[in-house]
Protein backbone atom coordinates (compact mmCIF):
# COMPACT_ATOMS: atom_id res chain seq x y z
CA UNK A 1 14.09 -55.69 -85.95
CA UNK A 2 16.04 -54.67 -89.06
CA UNK A 3 19.82 -54.95 -89.18
CA UNK A 4 20.12 -51.15 -89.27
CA UNK A 5 18.07 -50.77 -86.10
CA UNK A 6 20.06 -53.50 -84.38
CA UNK A 7 23.30 -51.74 -85.36
CA UNK A 8 22.05 -48.40 -84.07
CA UNK A 9 20.75 -49.94 -80.84
CA UNK A 10 24.08 -51.65 -80.16
CA UNK A 11 26.01 -48.47 -81.01
CA UNK A 12 23.77 -46.40 -78.72
CA UNK A 13 24.06 -48.94 -75.88
CA UNK A 14 27.87 -48.95 -76.10
CA UNK A 15 27.95 -45.15 -76.13
CA UNK A 16 25.73 -45.00 -73.04
CA UNK A 17 27.98 -47.49 -71.26
CA UNK A 18 31.03 -45.41 -72.23
CA UNK A 19 29.40 -42.25 -70.86
CA UNK A 20 28.53 -43.70 -67.45
CA UNK A 21 30.81 -41.33 -65.52
CA UNK A 22 29.67 -38.16 -67.35
CA UNK A 23 26.01 -39.22 -67.05
CA UNK A 24 26.34 -39.73 -63.30
CA UNK A 25 28.13 -36.39 -62.87
CA UNK A 26 25.45 -34.54 -64.83
CA UNK A 27 22.77 -36.37 -62.87
CA UNK A 28 24.30 -35.10 -59.64
CA UNK A 29 24.44 -31.59 -61.08
CA UNK A 30 20.76 -31.78 -61.92
CA UNK A 31 19.77 -32.61 -58.32
CA UNK A 32 22.50 -30.68 -56.49
CA UNK A 33 20.20 -27.71 -55.86
CA UNK A 34 17.99 -29.96 -53.71
CA UNK A 35 20.78 -30.15 -51.13
CA UNK A 36 21.68 -26.44 -51.21
CA UNK A 37 20.21 -25.86 -47.75
CA UNK A 38 22.32 -28.65 -46.26
CA UNK A 39 25.66 -28.39 -48.09
CA UNK A 40 27.03 -25.94 -50.70
CA UNK A 41 26.44 -27.29 -54.21
CA UNK A 42 30.10 -27.33 -55.20
CA UNK A 43 31.01 -29.26 -52.06
CA UNK A 44 28.17 -31.69 -52.74
CA UNK A 45 29.50 -32.19 -56.27
CA UNK A 46 33.03 -32.95 -55.02
CA UNK A 47 31.73 -35.58 -52.59
CA UNK A 48 29.47 -37.03 -55.30
CA UNK A 49 32.28 -37.21 -57.87
CA UNK A 50 34.62 -38.91 -55.40
CA UNK A 51 31.93 -41.44 -54.51
CA UNK A 52 31.14 -42.12 -58.18
CA UNK A 53 34.81 -42.60 -58.96
CA UNK A 54 35.26 -44.96 -56.01
CA UNK A 55 32.18 -47.03 -56.90
CA UNK A 56 33.23 -47.37 -60.54
CA UNK A 57 36.68 -48.52 -59.47
CA UNK A 58 35.62 -51.01 -56.82
CA UNK A 59 32.92 -52.48 -59.04
CA UNK A 60 35.47 -53.03 -61.80
CA UNK A 61 33.90 -50.61 -64.28
CA UNK A 62 37.18 -48.69 -64.28
CA UNK A 63 40.61 -50.23 -63.90
CA UNK A 64 43.48 -48.92 -61.79
CA UNK A 65 45.26 -47.64 -64.90
CA UNK A 66 42.15 -45.82 -66.06
CA UNK A 67 41.67 -44.18 -62.67
CA UNK A 68 45.28 -42.95 -62.82
CA UNK A 69 44.63 -41.47 -66.29
CA UNK A 70 41.49 -39.80 -64.96
CA UNK A 71 43.46 -38.34 -62.03
CA UNK A 72 46.00 -36.89 -64.46
CA UNK A 73 43.19 -35.22 -66.39
CA UNK A 74 41.70 -33.91 -63.16
CA UNK A 75 45.00 -32.19 -62.36
CA UNK A 76 45.43 -30.84 -65.90
CA UNK A 77 41.87 -29.52 -65.85
CA UNK A 78 42.27 -28.00 -62.40
CA UNK A 79 45.41 -26.13 -63.47
CA UNK A 80 43.54 -24.72 -66.46
CA UNK A 81 40.56 -23.78 -64.29
CA UNK A 82 42.75 -21.87 -61.85
CA UNK A 83 44.25 -19.88 -64.70
CA UNK A 84 41.02 -19.25 -66.62
CA UNK A 85 39.08 -18.16 -63.54
CA UNK A 86 41.90 -15.84 -62.48
CA UNK A 87 41.83 -14.00 -65.82
CA UNK A 88 38.02 -13.88 -65.87
CA UNK A 89 37.17 -16.31 -68.67
CA UNK A 90 34.43 -17.81 -66.50
CA UNK A 91 33.57 -18.04 -62.83
CA UNK A 92 32.07 -20.15 -60.07
CA UNK A 93 29.95 -17.57 -58.24
CA UNK A 94 28.55 -19.79 -55.48
CA UNK A 95 30.12 -20.27 -52.05
CA UNK A 96 31.95 -23.50 -51.25
CA UNK A 97 34.39 -24.70 -48.60
CA UNK A 98 36.36 -26.64 -51.19
CA UNK A 99 37.38 -23.75 -53.42
CA UNK A 100 40.95 -22.76 -54.21
CA UNK A 101 41.60 -19.51 -56.05
CA UNK A 102 37.89 -19.24 -56.80
CA UNK A 103 37.82 -22.72 -58.32
CA UNK A 104 35.86 -25.58 -56.70
CA UNK A 105 37.88 -28.77 -56.56
CA UNK A 106 35.12 -30.77 -58.23
CA UNK A 107 35.68 -28.85 -61.49
CA UNK A 108 38.60 -31.07 -62.48
CA UNK A 109 36.17 -33.97 -62.74
CA UNK A 110 34.49 -32.25 -65.69
CA UNK A 111 37.74 -32.77 -67.63
CA UNK A 112 38.19 -36.20 -66.10
CA UNK A 113 34.79 -37.11 -67.59
CA UNK A 114 36.31 -36.79 -71.06
CA UNK A 115 39.14 -39.16 -70.12
CA UNK A 116 36.68 -41.59 -68.56
CA UNK A 117 34.60 -41.63 -71.74
CA UNK A 118 37.64 -42.27 -73.92
CA UNK A 119 38.89 -45.09 -71.68
CA UNK A 120 35.48 -46.76 -71.59
CA UNK A 121 34.94 -46.32 -75.34
CA UNK A 122 38.36 -47.81 -76.02
CA UNK A 123 37.30 -50.99 -74.26
CA UNK A 124 33.61 -51.12 -75.30
CA UNK A 125 34.29 -50.52 -78.99
CA UNK A 126 37.60 -52.42 -78.99
CA UNK A 127 39.31 -49.41 -80.57
CA UNK A 128 42.41 -49.81 -82.70
CA UNK A 129 44.52 -47.13 -84.34
CA UNK A 130 45.74 -47.44 -87.91
CA UNK A 131 48.58 -45.31 -89.31
CA UNK A 132 48.87 -43.43 -86.03
CA UNK A 133 51.71 -40.88 -86.29
CA UNK A 134 55.07 -41.38 -84.52
CA UNK A 135 55.08 -40.78 -80.78
CA UNK A 136 57.33 -37.73 -80.55
CA UNK A 137 55.47 -35.38 -82.98
CA UNK A 138 52.15 -36.46 -81.44
CA UNK A 139 53.46 -35.58 -77.99
CA UNK A 140 54.76 -32.20 -79.18
CA UNK A 141 51.43 -31.28 -80.79
CA UNK A 142 49.54 -32.33 -77.65
CA UNK A 143 51.80 -30.15 -75.49
CA UNK A 144 51.41 -27.21 -77.90
CA UNK A 145 47.62 -27.44 -77.70
CA UNK A 146 47.59 -27.46 -73.90
CA UNK A 147 50.13 -24.63 -73.58
CA UNK A 148 48.18 -22.52 -76.09
CA UNK A 149 45.16 -22.56 -73.76
CA UNK A 150 47.31 -20.40 -71.46
CA UNK A 151 49.47 -18.36 -73.84
CA UNK A 152 46.64 -17.25 -76.14
CA UNK A 153 45.78 -14.58 -73.56
CA UNK A 154 49.19 -12.97 -73.94
CA UNK A 155 50.27 -13.66 -77.52
CA UNK A 156 48.48 -14.54 -80.75
CA UNK A 157 46.13 -17.52 -80.53
CA UNK A 158 47.95 -20.33 -82.31
CA UNK A 159 45.09 -22.82 -82.38
CA UNK A 160 44.48 -22.57 -86.12
CA UNK A 161 48.17 -22.92 -86.93
CA UNK A 162 48.25 -25.93 -84.63
CA UNK A 163 45.11 -27.12 -86.41
CA UNK A 164 47.04 -27.22 -89.69
CA UNK A 165 49.73 -29.33 -88.02
CA UNK A 166 47.03 -31.66 -86.73
CA UNK A 167 45.58 -32.08 -90.23
CA UNK A 168 49.03 -32.85 -91.63
CA UNK A 169 49.87 -35.22 -88.80
CA UNK A 170 46.63 -37.18 -88.58
CA UNK A 171 45.18 -37.00 -92.11
CA UNK A 172 45.97 -40.69 -92.75
CA UNK A 173 45.16 -41.95 -89.26
CA UNK A 174 42.04 -44.07 -88.82
CA UNK A 175 40.29 -45.44 -85.78
CA UNK A 176 38.80 -48.91 -86.08
CA UNK A 177 35.79 -49.55 -83.84
CA UNK A 178 33.79 -52.74 -83.52
CA UNK A 179 30.04 -53.22 -83.28
CA UNK A 180 28.74 -56.77 -82.95
CA UNK A 181 32.33 -57.88 -83.61
CA UNK A 182 32.28 -56.23 -87.05
CA UNK A 183 35.00 -53.61 -87.69
CA UNK A 184 34.27 -50.11 -88.97
CA UNK A 185 36.70 -47.33 -89.83
CA UNK A 186 36.56 -43.62 -89.21
CA UNK A 187 39.16 -40.90 -89.81
CA UNK A 188 40.65 -39.90 -86.47
CA UNK A 189 40.14 -36.21 -87.30
CA UNK A 190 36.40 -36.79 -87.72
CA UNK A 191 36.27 -38.46 -84.30
CA UNK A 192 38.03 -35.39 -82.80
CA UNK A 193 35.36 -33.09 -84.18
CA UNK A 194 32.39 -35.29 -83.28
CA UNK A 195 33.47 -35.76 -79.67
CA UNK A 196 34.23 -32.03 -79.37
CA UNK A 197 30.76 -31.16 -80.70
CA UNK A 198 28.98 -33.45 -78.25
CA UNK A 199 31.04 -32.13 -75.34
CA UNK A 200 29.96 -28.62 -76.39
CA UNK A 201 26.35 -29.80 -76.19
CA UNK A 202 27.08 -31.23 -72.73
CA UNK A 203 28.66 -27.91 -71.73
CA UNK A 204 25.39 -26.16 -72.53
CA UNK A 205 23.64 -28.56 -70.17
CA UNK A 206 26.31 -28.05 -67.49
CA UNK A 207 26.07 -24.25 -67.59
CA UNK A 208 22.27 -24.51 -67.54
CA UNK A 209 22.58 -26.49 -64.30
CA UNK A 210 24.99 -23.85 -62.94
CA UNK A 211 28.17 -25.95 -63.00
CA UNK A 212 29.98 -22.73 -63.98
CA UNK A 213 29.07 -19.50 -65.74
CA UNK A 214 30.56 -17.45 -68.54
CA UNK A 215 30.42 -13.66 -68.24
CA UNK A 216 27.44 -13.45 -70.62
CA UNK A 217 25.48 -16.02 -68.58
CA UNK A 218 25.35 -14.22 -65.24
CA UNK A 219 22.11 -12.31 -65.80
CA UNK A 220 20.34 -15.05 -67.70
CA UNK A 221 21.40 -18.32 -69.23
CA UNK A 222 22.45 -18.29 -72.90
CA UNK A 223 23.88 -20.95 -75.17
CA UNK A 224 27.64 -21.34 -75.04
CA UNK A 225 29.39 -19.58 -77.93
CA UNK A 226 29.89 -21.76 -80.99
CA UNK A 227 33.63 -21.06 -81.05
CA UNK A 228 33.87 -23.17 -77.89
CA UNK A 229 33.37 -26.21 -80.13
CA UNK A 230 36.89 -25.71 -81.45
CA UNK A 231 38.21 -25.31 -77.90
CA UNK A 232 36.63 -28.58 -76.86
CA UNK A 233 37.82 -30.29 -80.04
CA UNK A 234 41.39 -29.27 -79.20
CA UNK A 235 40.97 -30.47 -75.62
CA UNK A 236 39.62 -33.75 -76.98
CA UNK A 237 42.75 -34.09 -79.11
CA UNK A 238 44.96 -33.72 -76.02
CA UNK A 239 42.82 -36.28 -74.19
CA UNK A 240 42.76 -38.62 -77.18
CA UNK A 241 46.53 -38.43 -77.56
CA UNK A 242 47.23 -39.20 -73.90
CA UNK A 243 44.78 -42.11 -73.73
CA UNK A 244 45.84 -43.55 -77.11
CA UNK A 245 49.55 -43.30 -76.36
CA UNK A 246 49.13 -44.93 -72.95
CA UNK A 247 46.93 -47.71 -74.34
CA UNK A 248 49.40 -48.45 -77.15
CA UNK A 249 52.35 -48.30 -74.74
CA UNK A 250 50.66 -50.80 -72.42
CA UNK A 251 49.90 -53.05 -75.39
CA UNK A 252 53.55 -52.95 -76.51
CA UNK A 253 54.76 -53.80 -72.98
CA UNK A 254 52.32 -56.70 -72.74
CA UNK A 255 53.43 -57.97 -76.17
CA UNK A 256 57.12 -57.83 -75.20
CA UNK A 257 56.46 -59.79 -72.03
């Protein structure tokens, strides 16, 4: 096997290992219709997600800290879902016992999947940040992105103005990842866009399986609008910031001790 193929195989294997939680969630989505006569699909998905999370924790795939990060993302995602469903951005048309405000409780795990991937990738690729911006402006930008997901329905959408701030803030930042113990560098901004694009692809799969539906998908399934790539990229940035800041904070505490 050539060195290039070995590199690609190792990279692919590490990515698959990093995506274990999303893969399992999508797998459950794919078979959830088989249990529709026994239990509502959304309720089945909540039970499945809780079981997956528990198994990953007790088998040591995810640490206690990572589970806490995932729980935070579940809550952030659930808050956004409650708002977006209320204003009609998308809907969960099927019946479920575990729905609040029209939102099934399992939906937060779709956001938690992003956090799980980032936590696993951080460990599997031994990620390191170079020229990461100072903590306070990073935190402010992350908060602005999340708040804009709500306020853009009432005032002008500020995502592109925030995008300029992101370019200015992160244009020098690099992420170092390791494959076969050899370091490689990538601009952090490129990683934002790549992860956002692949999540958009995953969203197409999720809507095809009926995880949720946009207004234009109720009569027949259609691909998710391309502008959603930017929405996912911005959500990835919030996720990336939270995970990176917590990982670096923990590293600093360990170093001081």
